[in-house]
N, C-alpha and C. Protein backbone atom coordinates (compact mmCIF):
# COMPACT_ATOMS: atom_id res chain seq x y z
N MET A 1 -2.83 24.40 -5.83
CA MET A 1 -3.00 24.21 -4.41
C MET A 1 -1.99 25.25 -3.69
N GLY A 2 -2.39 25.75 -2.50
CA GLY A 2 -1.85 26.69 -1.74
C GLY A 2 -0.57 26.06 -1.06
N VAL A 3 0.08 27.05 -0.41
CA VAL A 3 1.36 26.65 0.23
C VAL A 3 0.84 26.13 1.65
N THR A 4 1.46 25.06 2.17
CA THR A 4 1.10 24.56 3.46
C THR A 4 2.02 25.24 4.54
N LYS A 5 1.62 25.23 5.59
CA LYS A 5 2.47 25.91 6.71
C LYS A 5 3.91 25.28 6.76
N SER A 6 4.00 24.01 6.64
CA SER A 6 5.35 23.41 6.55
C SER A 6 6.24 23.91 5.41
N ASP A 7 5.67 24.37 4.36
CA ASP A 7 6.48 24.83 3.18
C ASP A 7 7.05 26.14 3.57
N LEU A 8 6.65 26.87 4.67
CA LEU A 8 7.35 28.17 4.94
C LEU A 8 8.65 27.82 5.70
N PHE A 9 8.94 26.66 5.99
CA PHE A 9 10.21 26.37 6.91
C PHE A 9 11.07 25.44 6.01
N THR A 10 12.30 25.49 6.51
CA THR A 10 13.35 24.61 5.73
C THR A 10 13.09 23.13 5.98
N LYS A 11 13.74 22.29 5.23
CA LYS A 11 13.62 20.90 5.41
C LYS A 11 14.19 20.44 6.75
N ALA A 12 15.33 21.05 7.09
CA ALA A 12 16.03 20.79 8.49
C ALA A 12 15.09 21.15 9.54
N GLN A 13 14.37 22.36 9.45
CA GLN A 13 13.42 22.75 10.53
C GLN A 13 12.28 21.85 10.64
N ASN A 14 11.77 21.40 9.54
CA ASN A 14 10.60 20.56 9.51
C ASN A 14 10.99 19.10 10.04
N GLU A 15 12.30 18.69 9.78
CA GLU A 15 12.70 17.39 10.25
C GLU A 15 12.92 17.40 11.70
N LEU A 16 13.51 18.64 12.15
CA LEU A 16 13.80 18.69 13.52
C LEU A 16 12.50 18.69 14.43
N ALA A 17 11.63 19.48 13.90
CA ALA A 17 10.16 19.57 14.53
C ALA A 17 9.49 18.08 14.58
N LYS A 18 9.55 17.44 13.50
CA LYS A 18 8.87 16.10 13.36
C LYS A 18 9.59 15.13 14.37
N THR A 19 10.88 15.11 14.33
CA THR A 19 11.56 14.24 15.37
C THR A 19 11.36 14.56 16.85
N ALA A 20 11.39 15.93 17.02
CA ALA A 20 11.12 16.38 18.54
C ALA A 20 9.73 15.84 18.89
N LYS A 21 8.80 15.81 18.15
CA LYS A 21 7.51 15.36 18.39
C LYS A 21 7.66 13.70 18.80
N VAL A 22 8.37 12.99 18.14
CA VAL A 22 8.60 11.59 18.58
C VAL A 22 9.03 11.53 20.07
N PHE A 23 9.97 12.43 20.47
CA PHE A 23 10.52 12.38 21.70
C PHE A 23 9.59 12.99 22.76
N ALA A 24 8.46 13.46 22.28
CA ALA A 24 7.55 14.14 23.19
C ALA A 24 6.70 13.43 24.10
N HIS A 25 6.82 12.09 24.08
CA HIS A 25 6.22 11.29 25.24
C HIS A 25 7.13 10.40 25.91
N PRO A 26 6.93 10.55 27.22
CA PRO A 26 7.85 9.94 28.09
C PRO A 26 7.94 8.29 28.09
N ALA A 27 7.06 7.66 27.45
CA ALA A 27 7.08 6.20 27.24
C ALA A 27 8.19 6.05 26.08
N ARG A 28 8.11 6.94 25.18
CA ARG A 28 9.13 6.57 24.13
C ARG A 28 10.61 6.99 24.53
N VAL A 29 10.71 8.01 25.33
CA VAL A 29 12.05 8.41 25.82
C VAL A 29 12.46 7.16 26.62
N ALA A 30 11.56 6.65 27.49
CA ALA A 30 12.03 5.54 28.35
C ALA A 30 12.41 4.30 27.42
N ILE A 31 11.60 4.04 26.39
CA ILE A 31 12.07 2.95 25.44
C ILE A 31 13.52 3.28 24.85
N ILE A 32 13.67 4.38 24.43
CA ILE A 32 14.98 4.82 23.80
C ILE A 32 16.02 4.60 24.90
N GLU A 33 15.87 4.97 26.02
CA GLU A 33 16.92 4.90 27.15
C GLU A 33 17.12 3.41 27.40
N TYR A 34 16.13 2.66 27.41
CA TYR A 34 16.20 1.07 27.58
C TYR A 34 17.03 0.50 26.45
N LEU A 35 16.80 0.93 25.39
CA LEU A 35 17.41 0.34 24.14
C LEU A 35 18.92 0.70 24.13
N ILE A 36 19.15 1.97 24.58
CA ILE A 36 20.46 2.42 24.78
C ILE A 36 21.31 1.57 25.70
N GLN A 37 20.58 1.35 26.80
CA GLN A 37 21.29 0.61 27.87
C GLN A 37 21.57 -0.78 27.61
N SER A 38 20.48 -1.55 26.96
CA SER A 38 20.58 -2.88 26.81
C SER A 38 21.02 -3.18 25.35
N ASN A 39 21.02 -2.37 24.47
CA ASN A 39 21.58 -2.61 23.14
C ASN A 39 20.39 -3.15 22.31
N THR A 40 19.54 -4.15 22.68
CA THR A 40 18.48 -4.78 21.97
C THR A 40 17.44 -5.09 22.90
N CYS A 41 16.25 -5.35 22.53
CA CYS A 41 15.19 -6.03 23.28
C CYS A 41 13.98 -6.46 22.44
N ILE A 42 13.17 -7.18 22.99
CA ILE A 42 11.76 -7.55 22.33
C ILE A 42 10.80 -6.77 23.20
N ASN A 43 9.62 -6.67 22.56
CA ASN A 43 8.49 -6.12 23.17
C ASN A 43 8.22 -6.45 24.55
N GLY A 44 8.21 -7.83 24.86
CA GLY A 44 8.04 -8.42 26.12
C GLY A 44 8.86 -7.82 27.29
N ASP A 45 10.28 -7.46 26.93
CA ASP A 45 11.13 -6.89 27.79
C ASP A 45 10.66 -5.61 28.27
N LEU A 46 10.22 -4.81 27.22
CA LEU A 46 9.66 -3.41 27.55
C LEU A 46 8.30 -3.49 28.53
N VAL A 47 7.65 -4.37 28.14
CA VAL A 47 6.37 -4.64 28.87
C VAL A 47 6.72 -4.72 30.38
N GLN A 48 7.68 -5.67 30.71
CA GLN A 48 8.16 -5.91 32.10
C GLN A 48 8.79 -4.62 32.58
N GLU A 49 9.67 -4.03 31.92
CA GLU A 49 10.50 -2.93 32.36
C GLU A 49 9.56 -1.64 32.71
N LEU A 50 8.67 -1.38 31.71
CA LEU A 50 8.04 -0.06 31.88
C LEU A 50 6.55 -0.35 32.57
N GLY A 51 5.98 -1.48 32.59
CA GLY A 51 4.85 -1.70 33.23
C GLY A 51 3.56 -1.15 32.43
N LEU A 52 3.78 -1.01 31.14
CA LEU A 52 2.74 -0.66 30.16
C LEU A 52 2.16 -1.78 29.54
N ALA A 53 1.07 -1.67 28.94
CA ALA A 53 0.38 -2.86 28.24
C ALA A 53 1.15 -3.06 27.01
N GLN A 54 1.14 -4.34 26.63
CA GLN A 54 1.82 -4.76 25.32
C GLN A 54 1.24 -4.00 24.18
N ALA A 55 0.13 -3.69 23.99
CA ALA A 55 -0.45 -2.84 22.97
C ALA A 55 0.11 -1.42 22.99
N THR A 56 0.15 -0.82 24.14
CA THR A 56 0.71 0.53 24.34
C THR A 56 2.13 0.56 23.92
N ILE A 57 2.91 -0.43 24.44
CA ILE A 57 4.41 -0.52 23.95
C ILE A 57 4.50 -0.67 22.42
N SER A 58 3.70 -1.50 21.89
CA SER A 58 3.70 -1.73 20.49
C SER A 58 3.41 -0.41 19.59
N GLN A 59 2.59 0.40 20.10
CA GLN A 59 2.18 1.67 19.56
C GLN A 59 3.22 2.60 19.52
N HIS A 60 3.91 2.60 20.70
CA HIS A 60 5.14 3.58 20.77
C HIS A 60 6.46 3.10 20.00
N LEU A 61 6.56 1.81 19.91
CA LEU A 61 7.63 1.19 19.09
C LEU A 61 7.38 1.56 17.63
N ARG A 62 6.03 1.46 17.16
CA ARG A 62 5.67 1.74 15.91
C ARG A 62 5.99 3.32 15.47
N GLU A 63 5.78 4.14 16.37
CA GLU A 63 6.13 5.60 16.24
C GLU A 63 7.59 5.80 16.10
N LEU A 64 8.29 5.04 16.92
CA LEU A 64 9.89 5.27 16.89
C LEU A 64 10.43 4.60 15.59
N LYS A 65 9.77 3.48 15.16
CA LYS A 65 10.18 2.82 13.93
C LYS A 65 9.96 3.85 12.75
N GLU A 66 8.77 4.30 12.67
CA GLU A 66 8.34 5.10 11.55
C GLU A 66 9.28 6.40 11.55
N ALA A 67 9.81 6.88 12.69
CA ALA A 67 10.74 8.04 12.68
C ALA A 67 12.15 7.59 12.28
N GLY A 68 12.27 6.25 12.12
CA GLY A 68 13.66 5.81 11.82
C GLY A 68 14.57 5.64 12.93
N LEU A 69 14.13 5.94 14.18
CA LEU A 69 15.05 5.88 15.53
C LEU A 69 15.43 4.48 15.78
N ILE A 70 14.50 3.51 15.46
CA ILE A 70 14.80 2.20 15.81
C ILE A 70 14.53 1.24 14.64
N LYS A 71 15.04 0.11 14.70
CA LYS A 71 14.84 -0.92 13.66
C LYS A 71 14.54 -2.28 14.35
N GLY A 72 13.75 -3.10 13.67
CA GLY A 72 13.61 -4.26 14.34
C GLY A 72 13.92 -5.59 13.24
N THR A 73 14.35 -6.56 13.99
CA THR A 73 14.63 -7.91 13.19
C THR A 73 13.69 -8.94 13.83
N ILE A 74 13.16 -9.94 12.98
CA ILE A 74 12.23 -10.90 13.38
C ILE A 74 13.20 -12.02 13.97
N GLU A 75 12.90 -12.43 15.07
CA GLU A 75 13.49 -13.67 15.71
C GLU A 75 12.38 -14.43 16.30
N GLY A 76 12.03 -15.54 15.40
CA GLY A 76 11.09 -16.55 15.74
C GLY A 76 9.67 -15.86 15.65
N VAL A 77 8.97 -15.77 16.68
CA VAL A 77 7.70 -15.18 16.87
C VAL A 77 7.83 -13.60 17.42
N SER A 78 9.00 -13.11 17.71
CA SER A 78 9.22 -12.00 18.35
C SER A 78 10.08 -10.97 17.49
N ILE A 79 10.02 -9.65 17.66
CA ILE A 79 10.81 -8.74 16.91
C ILE A 79 11.78 -8.22 17.92
N CYS A 80 13.04 -8.19 17.62
CA CYS A 80 14.15 -7.66 18.31
C CYS A 80 14.41 -6.35 17.84
N TYR A 81 14.35 -5.18 18.86
CA TYR A 81 14.56 -3.87 18.41
C TYR A 81 15.90 -3.37 18.92
N CYS A 82 16.32 -2.41 18.08
CA CYS A 82 17.52 -1.70 18.55
C CYS A 82 17.67 -0.36 17.88
N ILE A 83 18.54 0.52 18.35
CA ILE A 83 18.65 1.87 17.75
C ILE A 83 19.25 1.73 16.35
N ASP A 84 18.67 2.48 15.48
CA ASP A 84 19.34 2.57 14.23
C ASP A 84 20.39 3.64 14.17
N GLU A 85 21.75 3.20 14.20
CA GLU A 85 22.71 4.06 14.49
C GLU A 85 22.91 5.19 13.39
N GLY A 86 22.77 4.87 12.13
CA GLY A 86 22.82 5.87 11.04
C GLY A 86 21.84 6.90 11.20
N ARG A 87 20.47 6.57 11.42
CA ARG A 87 19.56 7.61 11.61
C ARG A 87 19.76 8.35 12.98
N TRP A 88 20.11 7.83 14.01
CA TRP A 88 20.70 8.40 15.35
C TRP A 88 21.41 9.49 15.11
N ASN A 89 22.62 9.22 14.33
CA ASN A 89 23.49 10.31 14.03
C ASN A 89 23.04 11.45 13.31
N GLU A 90 22.12 11.11 12.35
CA GLU A 90 21.53 12.24 11.47
C GLU A 90 20.71 13.14 12.58
N ILE A 91 19.93 12.39 13.43
CA ILE A 91 19.15 13.20 14.46
C ILE A 91 19.98 13.88 15.36
N ARG A 92 21.02 13.34 15.84
CA ARG A 92 22.02 14.00 16.75
C ARG A 92 22.53 15.25 16.17
N ASN A 93 23.04 15.15 14.87
CA ASN A 93 23.37 16.27 14.03
C ASN A 93 22.40 17.39 14.00
N LEU A 94 21.13 17.02 13.77
CA LEU A 94 20.07 18.15 13.76
C LEU A 94 19.93 18.96 14.91
N PHE A 95 19.93 18.20 16.05
CA PHE A 95 19.86 18.83 17.47
C PHE A 95 21.16 19.57 17.71
N ASP A 96 22.31 18.91 17.40
CA ASP A 96 23.66 19.61 17.61
C ASP A 96 23.70 20.90 16.84
N ARG A 97 23.14 21.11 15.71
CA ARG A 97 23.25 22.29 15.02
C ARG A 97 22.40 23.36 15.54
N LEU A 98 21.25 22.88 16.04
CA LEU A 98 20.29 23.89 16.76
C LEU A 98 20.98 24.21 18.17
N PHE A 99 21.28 23.33 18.95
CA PHE A 99 21.77 23.79 20.30
C PHE A 99 23.29 24.43 20.18
N GLY A 100 23.99 24.04 19.26
CA GLY A 100 25.32 24.61 19.12
C GLY A 100 25.32 25.89 18.57
N SER A 101 24.27 26.38 17.88
CA SER A 101 24.09 27.72 17.30
C SER A 101 23.91 28.78 18.28
N PHE A 102 23.74 28.39 19.59
CA PHE A 102 23.47 29.45 20.70
C PHE A 102 24.86 29.73 21.37
N PRO A 103 25.42 30.92 21.17
CA PRO A 103 26.63 31.28 21.81
C PRO A 103 26.57 31.42 23.26
N LEU A 104 27.15 30.33 23.97
CA LEU A 104 27.02 30.36 25.40
C LEU A 104 27.99 31.47 25.90
N THR A 105 27.49 32.13 27.00
CA THR A 105 28.40 33.08 27.70
C THR A 105 28.55 32.78 28.96
N ASP A 106 29.14 33.75 29.83
CA ASP A 106 29.40 33.46 31.19
C ASP A 106 28.14 34.03 32.11
N GLY A 107 27.02 33.96 31.64
CA GLY A 107 25.88 34.23 32.33
C GLY A 107 25.40 35.73 31.94
N GLY A 108 25.90 36.15 30.86
CA GLY A 108 25.48 37.66 30.37
C GLY A 108 24.00 37.74 30.35
N LYS A 109 23.63 39.17 30.54
CA LYS A 109 22.27 39.42 30.38
C LYS A 109 21.66 39.37 28.94
N CYS A 110 20.47 38.64 28.95
CA CYS A 110 20.02 38.38 27.53
C CYS A 110 18.85 39.54 27.12
N CYS A 111 18.26 40.08 28.02
CA CYS A 111 17.06 41.07 27.72
C CYS A 111 17.26 42.30 28.40
C-alpha cells in the first residue's frame, strides 16, 4: 500500500491539524467557551445558551468528545460535560509550540 498524505508529516503536525479542525466551527468554539465559563453543563444548558437544536448540539459535543477535548459523565438521564484537563494541556502545548516558534520582533519587515 502506498504512502498516504498524512504520512508525509510528523505526528505532531497531524495532531495539530486534526485538533484545529475541531475548533473550525463556531458552535464548537462557543461550546468550549461555555464549558470554560461554567465548568460543567448538560446538553439542555447548551440548547438554551446557543439557541441551536438539541440534535445539532449533540453532534458538536460528539466531535469535541471524539477529539478528547471534553468528557462526559452520566447523571440520571442526562450527560454532564466538562473540559478534559489532561487533553486540554496536551493541545495547549501543541499550539504553544507552533505559535512560540515564531520569533516576535518589533514590527520588522518580513518580505
